[in-house]
PDB file of N, CA and C in Angstrom:
ATOM      1  N   MET A   1      -3.716 -25.323   7.357  1.00  0.00           N
ATOM      2  CA  MET A   1      -4.532 -24.596   6.401  1.00  0.00           C
ATOM      3  C   MET A   1      -4.363 -23.081   6.571  1.00  0.00           C
ATOM      4  N   ILE A   2      -4.135 -22.660   7.801  1.00  0.00           N
ATOM      5  CA  ILE A   2      -3.939 -21.227   8.031  1.00  0.00           C
ATOM      6  C   ILE A   2      -2.656 -20.759   7.359  1.00  0.00           C
ATOM      7  N   GLY A   3      -1.598 -21.574   7.430  1.00  0.00           N
ATOM      8  CA  GLY A   3      -0.343 -21.234   6.767  1.00  0.00           C
ATOM      9  C   GLY A   3      -0.518 -21.133   5.268  1.00  0.00           C
ATOM     10  N   LEU A   4      -1.315 -22.009   4.693  1.00  0.00           N
ATOM     11  CA  LEU A   4      -1.592 -21.961   3.264  1.00  0.00           C
ATOM     12  C   LEU A   4      -2.369 -20.699   2.896  1.00  0.00           C
ATOM     13  N   ALA A   5      -3.302 -20.323   3.744  1.00  0.00           N
ATOM     14  CA  ALA A   5      -4.064 -19.094   3.505  1.00  0.00           C
ATOM     15  C   ALA A   5      -3.157 -17.866   3.555  1.00  0.00           C
ATOM     16  N   PHE A   6      -2.242 -17.824   4.536  1.00  0.00           N
ATOM     17  CA  PHE A   6      -1.305 -16.694   4.612  1.00  0.00           C
ATOM     18  C   PHE A   6      -0.397 -16.650   3.389  1.00  0.00           C
ATOM     19  N   ASN A   7       0.066 -17.812   2.924  1.00  0.00           N
ATOM     20  CA  ASN A   7       0.887 -17.836   1.719  1.00  0.00           C
ATOM     21  C   ASN A   7       0.117 -17.321   0.515  1.00  0.00           C
ATOM     22  N   GLY A   8      -1.140 -17.694   0.411  1.00  0.00           N
ATOM     23  CA  GLY A   8      -1.963 -17.220  -0.695  1.00  0.00           C
ATOM     24  C   GLY A   8      -2.184 -15.718  -0.653  1.00  0.00           C
ATOM     25  N   ILE A   9      -2.348 -15.182   0.532  1.00  0.00           N
ATOM     26  CA  ILE A   9      -2.582 -13.737   0.664  1.00  0.00           C
ATOM     27  C   ILE A   9      -1.310 -12.950   0.406  1.00  0.00           C
ATOM     28  N   PHE A  10      -0.196 -13.376   0.997  1.00  0.00           N
ATOM     29  CA  PHE A  10       1.011 -12.563   0.954  1.00  0.00           C
ATOM     30  C   PHE A  10       1.901 -12.841  -0.255  1.00  0.00           C
ATOM     31  N   ASN A  11       1.817 -14.028  -0.862  1.00  0.00           N
ATOM     32  CA  ASN A  11       2.680 -14.323  -1.998  1.00  0.00           C
ATOM     33  C   ASN A  11       2.104 -13.868  -3.333  1.00  0.00           C
ATOM     34  N   PHE A  12       0.807 -13.766  -3.435  1.00  0.00           N
ATOM     35  CA  PHE A  12       0.200 -13.469  -4.721  1.00  0.00           C
ATOM     36  C   PHE A  12      -0.616 -12.183  -4.720  1.00  0.00           C
ATOM     37  N   SER A  13      -0.474 -11.374  -3.698  1.00  0.00           N
ATOM     38  CA  SER A  13      -1.313 -10.182  -3.594  1.00  0.00           C
ATOM     39  C   SER A  13      -0.511  -9.000  -3.074  1.00  0.00           C
ATOM     40  N   GLU A  14      -0.838  -7.840  -3.602  1.00  0.00           N
ATOM     41  CA  GLU A  14      -0.268  -6.586  -3.112  1.00  0.00           C
ATOM     42  C   GLU A  14      -1.232  -5.894  -2.153  1.00  0.00           C
ATOM     43  N   PHE A  15      -2.361  -6.531  -1.874  1.00  0.00           N
ATOM     44  CA  PHE A  15      -3.406  -5.913  -1.068  1.00  0.00           C
ATOM     45  C   PHE A  15      -2.934  -5.460   0.320  1.00  0.00           C
ATOM     46  N   PRO A  16      -2.190  -6.281   1.076  1.00  0.00           N
ATOM     47  CA  PRO A  16      -1.803  -5.828   2.421  1.00  0.00           C
ATOM     48  C   PRO A  16      -0.964  -4.546   2.403  1.00  0.00           C
ATOM     49  N   ILE A  17      -0.064  -4.428   1.443  1.00  0.00           N
ATOM     50  CA  ILE A  17       0.785  -3.237   1.356  1.00  0.00           C
ATOM     51  C   ILE A  17      -0.049  -2.018   0.975  1.00  0.00           C
ATOM     52  N   LYS A  18      -0.917  -2.186  -0.005  1.00  0.00           N
ATOM     53  CA  LYS A  18      -1.765  -1.064  -0.414  1.00  0.00           C
ATOM     54  C   LYS A  18      -2.723  -0.671   0.713  1.00  0.00           C
ATOM     55  N   PHE A  19      -3.181  -1.657   1.489  1.00  0.00           N
ATOM     56  CA  PHE A  19      -4.059  -1.378   2.617  1.00  0.00           C
ATOM     57  C   PHE A  19      -3.342  -0.538   3.671  1.00  0.00           C
ATOM     58  N   ILE A  20      -2.075  -0.874   3.947  1.00  0.00           N
ATOM     59  CA  ILE A  20      -1.303  -0.111   4.935  1.00  0.00           C
ATOM     60  C   ILE A  20      -1.123   1.330   4.473  1.00  0.00           C
ATOM     61  N   THR A  21      -0.821   1.524   3.199  1.00  0.00           N
ATOM     62  CA  THR A  21      -0.649   2.885   2.671  1.00  0.00           C
ATOM     63  C   THR A  21      -1.954   3.673   2.773  1.00  0.00           C
ATOM     64  N   ARG A  22      -3.048   3.054   2.393  1.00  0.00           N
ATOM     65  CA  ARG A  22      -4.351   3.744   2.470  1.00  0.00           C
ATOM     66  C   ARG A  22      -4.736   4.032   3.916  1.00  0.00           C
ATOM     67  N   LEU A  23      -4.428   3.114   4.809  1.00  0.00           N
ATOM     68  CA  LEU A  23      -4.700   3.339   6.226  1.00  0.00           C
ATOM     69  C   LEU A  23      -3.904   4.531   6.746  1.00  0.00           C
ATOM     70  N   GLY A  24      -2.664   4.688   6.291  1.00  0.00           N
ATOM     71  CA  GLY A  24      -1.851   5.847   6.672  1.00  0.00           C
ATOM     72  C   GLY A  24      -2.452   7.150   6.172  1.00  0.00           C
ATOM     73  N   ILE A  25      -2.944   7.146   4.934  1.00  0.00           N
ATOM     74  CA  ILE A  25      -3.583   8.350   4.385  1.00  0.00           C
ATOM     75  C   ILE A  25      -4.843   8.690   5.165  1.00  0.00           C
ATOM     76  N   ILE A  26      -5.637   7.679   5.499  1.00  0.00           N
ATOM     77  CA  ILE A  26      -6.855   7.908   6.290  1.00  0.00           C
ATOM     78  C   ILE A  26      -6.500   8.431   7.675  1.00  0.00           C
ATOM     79  N   THR A  27      -5.451   7.893   8.280  1.00  0.00           N
ATOM     80  CA  THR A  27      -5.036   8.325   9.612  1.00  0.00           C
ATOM     81  C   THR A  27      -4.600   9.785   9.608  1.00  0.00           C
ATOM     82  N   ILE A  28      -3.816  10.176   8.606  1.00  0.00           N
ATOM     83  CA  ILE A  28      -3.399  11.577   8.513  1.00  0.00           C
ATOM     84  C   ILE A  28      -4.604  12.477   8.281  1.00  0.00           C
ATOM     85  N   SER A  29      -5.553  12.037   7.452  1.00  0.00           N
ATOM     86  CA  SER A  29      -6.758  12.834   7.209  1.00  0.00           C
ATOM     87  C   SER A  29      -7.565  13.014   8.495  1.00  0.00           C
ATOM     88  N   VAL A  30      -7.723  11.946   9.254  1.00  0.00           N
ATOM     89  CA  VAL A  30      -8.449  12.040  10.525  1.00  0.00           C
ATOM     90  C   VAL A  30      -7.733  12.987  11.480  1.00  0.00           C
ATOM     91  N   SER A  31      -6.418  12.922  11.497  1.00  0.00           N
ATOM     92  CA  SER A  31      -5.633  13.797  12.368  1.00  0.00           C
ATOM     93  C   SER A  31      -5.835  15.270  11.989  1.00  0.00           C
ATOM     94  N   LEU A  32      -5.810  15.559  10.706  1.00  0.00           N
ATOM     95  CA  LEU A  32      -5.995  16.947  10.267  1.00  0.00           C
ATOM     96  C   LEU A  32      -7.414  17.442  10.534  1.00  0.00           C
ATOM     97  N   ILE A  33      -8.409  16.566  10.348  1.00  0.00           N
ATOM     98  CA  ILE A  33      -9.790  16.948  10.662  1.00  0.00           C
ATOM     99  C   ILE A  33      -9.930  17.216  12.156  1.00  0.00           C
ATOM    100  N   TYR A  34      -9.300  16.373  12.979  1.00  0.00           N
ATOM    101  CA  TYR A  34      -9.330  16.565  14.427  1.00  0.00           C
ATOM    102  C   TYR A  34      -8.655  17.888  14.807  1.00  0.00           C
ATOM    103  N   LEU A  35      -7.559  18.209  14.137  1.00  0.00           N
ATOM    104  CA  LEU A  35      -6.868  19.481  14.403  1.00  0.00           C
ATOM    105  C   LEU A  35      -7.763  20.668  14.061  1.00  0.00           C
ATOM    106  N   ILE A  36      -8.393  20.643  12.916  1.00  0.00           N
ATOM    107  CA  ILE A  36      -9.274  21.740  12.512  1.00  0.00           C
ATOM    108  C   ILE A  36     -10.450  21.867  13.480  1.00  0.00           C
ATOM    109  N   TYR A  37     -11.015  20.721  13.883  1.00  0.00           N
ATOM    110  CA  TYR A  37     -12.126  20.737  14.830  1.00  0.00           C
ATOM    111  C   TYR A  37     -11.711  21.363  16.162  1.00  0.00           C
ATOM    112  N   ASN A  38     -10.527  21.016  16.643  1.00  0.00           N
ATOM    113  CA  ASN A  38     -10.081  21.555  17.929  1.00  0.00           C
ATOM    114  C   ASN A  38      -9.670  23.019  17.844  1.00  0.00           C
ATOM    115  N   ILE A  39      -9.162  23.440  16.712  1.00  0.00           N
ATOM    116  CA  ILE A  39      -8.889  24.880  16.532  1.00  0.00           C
ATOM    117  C   ILE A  39     -10.199  25.655  16.564  1.00  0.00           C
ATOM    118  N   TYR A  40     -11.221  25.109  15.908  1.00  0.00           N
ATOM    119  CA  TYR A  40     -12.545  25.738  15.946  1.00  0.00           C
ATOM    120  C   TYR A  40     -13.064  25.797  17.385  1.00  0.00           C
ATOM    121  N   ARG A  41     -12.955  24.677  18.121  1.00  0.00           N
ATOM    122  CA  ARG A  41     -13.418  24.656  19.510  1.00  0.00           C
ATOM    123  C   ARG A  41     -12.671  25.655  20.377  1.00  0.00           C
ATOM    124  N   LYS A  42     -11.373  25.812  20.145  1.00  0.00           N
ATOM    125  CA  LYS A  42     -10.565  26.713  20.974  1.00  0.00           C
ATOM    126  C   LYS A  42     -10.959  28.168  20.761  1.00  0.00           C
ATOM    127  N   PHE A  43     -11.130  28.576  19.497  1.00  0.00           N
ATOM    128  CA  PHE A  43     -11.382  29.990  19.221  1.00  0.00           C
ATOM    129  C   PHE A  43     -12.851  30.381  19.306  1.00  0.00           C
ATOM    130  N   TYR A  44     -13.771  29.467  19.065  1.00  0.00           N
ATOM    131  CA  TYR A  44     -15.182  29.834  19.051  1.00  0.00           C
ATOM    132  C   TYR A  44     -15.966  29.336  20.267  1.00  0.00           C
ATOM    133  N   ILE A  45     -15.553  28.232  20.843  1.00  0.00           N
ATOM    134  CA  ILE A  45     -16.271  27.692  21.996  1.00  0.00           C
ATOM    135  C   ILE A  45     -15.467  27.897  23.276  1.00  0.00           C
ATOM    136  N   GLY A  46     -14.155  27.790  23.184  1.00  0.00           N
ATOM    137  CA  GLY A  46     -13.289  27.969  24.346  1.00  0.00           C
ATOM    138  C   GLY A  46     -13.262  26.782  25.280  1.00  0.00           C
ATOM    139  N   ASP A  47     -13.553  25.620  24.780  1.00  0.00           N
ATOM    140  CA  ASP A  47     -13.665  24.426  25.612  1.00  0.00           C
ATOM    141  C   ASP A  47     -12.713  23.339  25.112  1.00  0.00           C
ATOM    142  N   VAL A  48     -11.410  23.549  25.298  1.00  0.00           N
ATOM    143  CA  VAL A  48     -10.417  22.567  24.860  1.00  0.00           C
ATOM    144  C   VAL A  48      -9.480  22.276  26.032  1.00  0.00           C
ATOM    145  N   PRO A  49      -9.313  20.995  26.378  1.00  0.00           N
ATOM    146  CA  PRO A  49      -8.362  20.672  27.450  1.00  0.00           C
ATOM    147  C   PRO A  49      -6.928  20.974  27.008  1.00  0.00           C
ATOM    148  N   LEU A  50      -6.140  21.534  27.889  1.00  0.00           N
ATOM    149  CA  LEU A  50      -4.788  21.937  27.534  1.00  0.00           C
ATOM    150  C   LEU A  50      -3.855  20.729  27.485  1.00  0.00           C
ATOM    151  N   GLY A  51      -3.018  20.661  26.452  1.00  0.00           N
ATOM    152  CA  GLY A  51      -2.009  19.627  26.319  1.00  0.00           C
ATOM    153  C   GLY A  51      -2.507  18.326  25.720  1.00  0.00           C
ATOM    154  N   PHE A  52      -3.699  17.924  26.076  1.00  0.00           N
ATOM    155  CA  PHE A  52      -4.250  16.656  25.605  1.00  0.00           C
ATOM    156  C   PHE A  52      -4.490  16.674  24.100  1.00  0.00           C
ATOM    157  N   THR A  53      -5.007  17.761  23.593  1.00  0.00           N
ATOM    158  CA  THR A  53      -5.339  17.872  22.178  1.00  0.00           C
ATOM    159  C   THR A  53      -4.098  17.770  21.308  1.00  0.00           C
ATOM    160  N   ALA A  54      -3.080  18.511  21.650  1.00  0.00           N
ATOM    161  CA  ALA A  54      -1.859  18.495  20.854  1.00  0.00           C
ATOM    162  C   ALA A  54      -1.195  17.123  20.906  1.00  0.00           C
ATOM    163  N   LEU A  55      -1.242  16.482  22.045  1.00  0.00           N
ATOM    164  CA  LEU A  55      -0.626  15.171  22.195  1.00  0.00           C
ATOM    165  C   LEU A  55      -1.316  14.128  21.316  1.00  0.00           C
ATOM    166  N   ILE A  56      -2.625  14.080  21.380  1.00  0.00           N
ATOM    167  CA  ILE A  56      -3.381  13.115  20.574  1.00  0.00           C
ATOM    168  C   ILE A  56      -3.187  13.392  19.089  1.00  0.00           C
ATOM    169  N   MET A  57      -3.256  14.666  18.696  1.00  0.00           N
ATOM    170  CA  MET A  57      -3.094  15.013  17.288  1.00  0.00           C
ATOM    171  C   MET A  57      -1.705  14.630  16.796  1.00  0.00           C
ATOM    172  N   ALA A  58      -0.671  14.871  17.578  1.00  0.00           N
ATOM    173  CA  ALA A  58       0.699  14.548  17.168  1.00  0.00           C
ATOM    174  C   ALA A  58       0.885  13.037  17.056  1.00  0.00           C
ATOM    175  N   ILE A  59       0.351  12.290  18.010  1.00  0.00           N
ATOM    176  CA  ILE A  59       0.489  10.828  17.960  1.00  0.00           C
ATOM    177  C   ILE A  59      -0.198  10.255  16.726  1.00  0.00           C
ATOM    178  N   VAL A  60      -1.411  10.688  16.455  1.00  0.00           N
ATOM    179  CA  VAL A  60      -2.150  10.171  15.305  1.00  0.00           C
ATOM    180  C   VAL A  60      -1.496  10.608  13.994  1.00  0.00           C
ATOM    181  N   LEU A  61      -1.034  11.842  13.911  1.00  0.00           N
ATOM    182  CA  LEU A  61      -0.397  12.341  12.693  1.00  0.00           C
ATOM    183  C   LEU A  61       0.879  11.561  12.387  1.00  0.00           C
ATOM    184  N   PHE A  62       1.738  11.399  13.374  1.00  0.00           N
ATOM    185  CA  PHE A  62       2.992  10.696  13.126  1.00  0.00           C
ATOM    186  C   PHE A  62       2.781   9.195  12.928  1.00  0.00           C
ATOM    187  N   SER A  63       1.726   8.647  13.499  1.00  0.00           N
ATOM    188  CA  SER A  63       1.392   7.245  13.219  1.00  0.00           C
ATOM    189  C   SER A  63       1.007   7.088  11.754  1.00  0.00           C
ATOM    190  N   GLY A  64       0.250   8.026  11.232  1.00  0.00           N
ATOM    191  CA  GLY A  64      -0.116   7.995   9.812  1.00  0.00           C
ATOM    192  C   GLY A  64       1.094   8.147   8.907  1.00  0.00           C
ATOM    193  N   VAL A  65       2.020   9.027   9.281  1.00  0.00           N
ATOM    194  CA  VAL A  65       3.242   9.202   8.490  1.00  0.00           C
ATOM    195  C   VAL A  65       4.057   7.909   8.495  1.00  0.00           C
ATOM    196  N   GLN A  66       4.131   7.243   9.634  1.00  0.00           N
ATOM    197  CA  GLN A  66       4.860   5.976   9.703  1.00  0.00           C
ATOM    198  C   GLN A  66       4.197   4.900   8.849  1.00  0.00           C
ATOM    199  N   LEU A  67       2.876   4.844   8.861  1.00  0.00           N
ATOM    200  CA  LEU A  67       2.182   3.861   8.040  1.00  0.00           C
ATOM    201  C   LEU A  67       2.430   4.100   6.556  1.00  0.00           C
ATOM    202  N   ILE A  68       2.399   5.354   6.132  1.00  0.00           N
ATOM    203  CA  ILE A  68       2.675   5.659   4.730  1.00  0.00           C
ATOM    204  C   ILE A  68       4.110   5.287   4.381  1.00  0.00           C
ATOM    205  N   SER A  69       5.046   5.570   5.265  1.00  0.00           N
ATOM    206  CA  SER A  69       6.446   5.210   5.016  1.00  0.00           C
ATOM    207  C   SER A  69       6.619   3.699   4.894  1.00  0.00           C
ATOM    208  N   ILE A  70       5.979   2.949   5.772  1.00  0.00           N
ATOM    209  CA  ILE A  70       6.044   1.491   5.693  1.00  0.00           C
ATOM    210  C   ILE A  70       5.408   1.002   4.389  1.00  0.00           C
ATOM    211  N   GLY A  71       4.318   1.642   3.982  1.00  0.00           N
ATOM    212  CA  GLY A  71       3.672   1.271   2.720  1.00  0.00           C
ATOM    213  C   GLY A  71       4.558   1.513   1.518  1.00  0.00           C
ATOM    214  N   ILE A  72       5.284   2.627   1.510  1.00  0.00           N
ATOM    215  CA  ILE A  72       6.192   2.928   0.396  1.00  0.00           C
ATOM    216  C   ILE A  72       7.328   1.914   0.356  1.00  0.00           C
ATOM    217  N   ILE A  73       7.913   1.620   1.497  1.00  0.00           N
ATOM    218  CA  ILE A  73       8.983   0.612   1.545  1.00  0.00           C
ATOM    219  C   ILE A  73       8.422  -0.748   1.121  1.00  0.00           C
ATOM    220  N   GLY A  74       7.221  -1.054   1.543  1.00  0.00           N
ATOM    221  CA  GLY A  74       6.586  -2.313   1.155  1.00  0.00           C
ATOM    222  C   GLY A  74       6.355  -2.414  -0.340  1.00  0.00           C
ATOM    223  N   GLU A  75       6.002  -1.298  -0.983  1.00  0.00           N
ATOM    224  CA  GLU A  75       5.827  -1.309  -2.441  1.00  0.00           C
ATOM    225  C   GLU A  75       7.128  -1.695  -3.134  1.00  0.00           C
ATOM    226  N   TYR A  76       8.240  -1.153  -2.670  1.00  0.00           N
ATOM    227  CA  TYR A  76       9.529  -1.516  -3.248  1.00  0.00           C
ATOM    228  C   TYR A  76       9.831  -3.000  -3.021  1.00  0.00           C
ATOM    229  N   VAL A  77       9.568  -3.486  -1.827  1.00  0.00           N
ATOM    230  CA  VAL A  77       9.840  -4.896  -1.517  1.00  0.00           C
ATOM    231  C   VAL A  77       8.970  -5.809  -2.368  1.00  0.00           C
ATOM    232  N   VAL A  78       7.704  -5.458  -2.563  1.00  0.00           N
ATOM    233  CA  VAL A  78       6.805  -6.272  -3.383  1.00  0.00           C
ATOM    234  C   VAL A  78       7.290  -6.308  -4.823  1.00  0.00           C
ATOM    235  N   ARG A  79       7.721  -5.169  -5.358  1.00  0.00           N
ATOM    236  CA  ARG A  79       8.224  -5.149  -6.732  1.00  0.00           C
ATOM    237  C   ARG A  79       9.483  -5.988  -6.869  1.00  0.00           C
ATOM    238  N   ILE A  80      10.368  -5.910  -5.895  1.00  0.00           N
ATOM    239  CA  ILE A  80      11.572  -6.738  -5.923  1.00  0.00           C
ATOM    240  C   ILE A  80      11.183  -8.217  -5.825  1.00  0.00           C
ATOM    241  N   PHE A  81      10.226  -8.534  -4.975  1.00  0.00           N
ATOM    242  CA  PHE A  81       9.784  -9.920  -4.796  1.00  0.00           C
ATOM    243  C   PHE A  81       9.235 -10.497  -6.093  1.00  0.00           C
ATOM    244  N   PHE A  82       8.386  -9.731  -6.793  1.00  0.00           N
ATOM    245  CA  PHE A  82       7.821 -10.221  -8.042  1.00  0.00           C
ATOM    246  C   PHE A  82       8.887 -10.325  -9.127  1.00  0.00           C
ATOM    247  N   GLN A  83       9.874  -9.447  -9.112  1.00  0.00           N
ATOM    248  CA  GLN A  83      10.957  -9.505 -10.085  1.00  0.00           C
ATOM    249  C   GLN A  83      11.846 -10.725  -9.830  1.00  0.00           C
ATOM    250  N   VAL A  84      12.101 -11.041  -8.578  1.00  0.00           N
ATOM    251  CA  VAL A  84      12.975 -12.160  -8.223  1.00  0.00           C
ATOM    252  C   VAL A  84      12.320 -13.505  -8.546  1.00  0.00           C
ATOM    253  N   LYS A  85      11.001 -13.554  -8.563  1.00  0.00           N
ATOM    254  CA  LYS A  85      10.317 -14.799  -8.919  1.00  0.00           C
ATOM    255  C   LYS A  85      10.685 -15.256 -10.321  1.00  0.00           C
ATOM    256  N   ASN A  86      11.106 -14.319 -11.160  1.00  0.00           N
ATOM    257  CA  ASN A  86      11.606 -14.606 -12.507  1.00  0.00           C
ATOM    258  C   ASN A  86      10.556 -15.314 -13.360  1.00  0.00           C
ATOM    259  N   ARG A  87       9.345 -14.865 -13.280  1.00  0.00           N
ATOM    260  CA  ARG A  87       8.278 -15.422 -14.103  1.00  0.00           C
ATOM    261  C   ARG A  87       8.331 -14.775 -15.477  1.00  0.00           C
ATOM    262  N   PRO A  88       7.935 -15.501 -16.519  1.00  0.00           N
ATOM    263  CA  PRO A  88       7.950 -14.906 -17.858  1.00  0.00           C
ATOM    264  C   PRO A  88       6.872 -13.828 -17.987  1.00  0.00           C
ATOM    265  N   LEU A  89       7.109 -12.884 -18.896  1.00  0.00           N
ATOM    266  CA  LEU A  89       6.127 -11.816 -19.102  1.00  0.00           C
ATOM    267  C   LEU A  89       4.858 -12.347 -19.758  1.00  0.00           C
ATOM    268  N   TYR A  90       5.006 -13.406 -20.571  1.00  0.00           N
ATOM    269  CA  TYR A  90       3.851 -14.010 -21.219  1.00  0.00           C
ATOM    270  C   TYR A  90       4.134 -15.497 -21.408  1.00  0.00           C
ATOM    271  N   ILE A  91       3.075 -16.248 -21.653  1.00  0.00           N
ATOM    272  CA  ILE A  91       3.191 -17.683 -21.877  1.00  0.00           C
ATOM    273  C   ILE A  91       2.629 -17.982 -23.256  1.00  0.00           C
ATOM    274  N   VAL A  92       3.400 -18.659 -24.095  1.00  0.00           N
ATOM    275  CA  VAL A  92       2.968 -19.021 -25.438  1.00  0.00           C
ATOM    276  C   VAL A  92       2.208 -20.330 -25.353  1.00  0.00           C
ATOM    277  N   SER A  93       0.942 -20.297 -25.740  1.00  0.00           N
ATOM    278  CA  SER A  93       0.145 -21.521 -25.656  1.00  0.00           C
ATOM    279  C   SER A  93       0.272 -22.356 -26.929  1.00  0.00           C
ATOM    280  N   GLU A  94       0.521 -21.708 -28.069  1.00  0.00           N
ATOM    281  CA  GLU A  94       0.636 -22.440 -29.327  1.00  0.00           C
ATOM    282  C   GLU A  94       1.607 -21.696 -30.224  1.00  0.00           C
ATOM    283  N   LYS A  95       2.468 -22.446 -30.902  1.00  0.00           N
ATOM    284  CA  LYS A  95       3.436 -21.835 -31.802  1.00  0.00           C
ATOM    285  C   LYS A  95       3.071 -22.239 -33.225  1.00  0.00           C
ATOM    286  N   ILE A  96       2.892 -21.242 -34.074  1.00  0.00           N
ATOM    287  CA  ILE A  96       2.558 -21.491 -35.473  1.00  0.00           C
ATOM    288  C   ILE A  96       3.826 -21.309 -36.286  1.00  0.00           C
ATOM    289  N   ILE A  97       4.183 -22.319 -37.066  1.00  0.00           N
ATOM    290  CA  ILE A  97       5.406 -22.285 -37.861  1.00  0.00           C
ATOM    291  C   ILE A  97       5.056 -21.880 -39.276  1.00  0.00           C
ATOM    292  N   ASN A  98       5.800 -20.931 -39.798  1.00  0.00           N
ATOM    293  CA  ASN A  98       5.616 -20.499 -41.177  1.00  0.00           C
ATOM    294  C   ASN A  98       6.174 -21.584 -42.092  1.00  0.00           C
ATOM    295  N   GLN A  99       5.416 -22.001 -43.100  1.00  0.00           N
ATOM    296  CA  GLN A  99       5.836 -23.081 -43.995  1.00  0.00           C
ATOM    297  C   GLN A  99       7.097 -22.721 -44.769  1.00  0.00           C
ATOM    298  N   LYS A 100       7.274 -21.468 -45.157  1.00  0.00           N
ATOM    299  CA  LYS A 100       8.441 -21.069 -45.920  1.00  0.00           C
ATOM    300  C   LYS A 100       9.700 -21.118 -45.067  1.00  0.00           C
ATOM    301  N   GLU A 101       9.592 -20.831 -43.793  1.00  0.00           N
ATOM    302  CA  GLU A 101      10.751 -20.897 -42.914  1.00  0.00           C
ATOM    303  C   GLU A 101      11.162 -22.342 -42.674  1.00  0.00           C
ATOM    304  N   GLU A 102      10.177 -23.259 -42.636  1.00  0.00           N
ATOM    305  CA  GLU A 102      10.482 -24.643 -42.375  1.00  0.00           C
ATOM    306  C   GLU A 102      11.128 -25.323 -43.579  1.00  0.00           C
ATOM    307  N   HIS A 103      10.653 -24.998 -44.788  1.00  0.00           N
ATOM    308  CA  HIS A 103      11.190 -25.571 -46.017  1.00  0.00           C
ATOM    309  C   HIS A 103      11.620 -24.434 -46.952  1.00  0.00           C
ATOM    310  N   PRO A 104      12.837 -23.947 -46.824  1.00  0.00           N
ATOM    311  CA  PRO A 104      13.259 -22.802 -47.629  1.00  0.00           C
ATOM    312  C   PRO A 104      13.401 -23.086 -49.117  1.00  0.00           C
ATOM    313  N   ASP A 105      13.466 -24.343 -49.556  1.00  0.00           N
ATOM    314  CA  ASP A 105      13.640 -24.632 -50.991  1.00  0.00           C
ATOM    315  C   ASP A 105      12.342 -24.612 -51.763  1.00  0.00           C
ATOM    316  N   GLN A 106      11.208 -24.422 -51.153  1.00  0.00           N
ATOM    317  CA  GLN A 106       9.922 -24.399 -51.877  1.00  0.00           C
ATOM    318  C   GLN A 106       9.591 -23.040 -52.406  1.00  0.00           C
TER     319      GLN A 106
END
């Protein structure tokens, strides 16, 4: 049943890819807010540990960039996947025949 649930989530939904992209944007935003906060602490409070701040900010920032990159590549893969399924653009439920086309001599 777990395999069926995974197939339902990943075969018919773009949610995981969009979630990864949004998570990357949130991660970069958190990184930039953390950078601004630490710049404020350095110049106005003077209480910032050396080296640790830059390391954490760089790791979080580049993690966010990687997540966004994976999300963009995933968007392309999802579009290719849906195109390869070769599903019709629409489904005709009923076909109405014009009487004149069916009997041209009338």
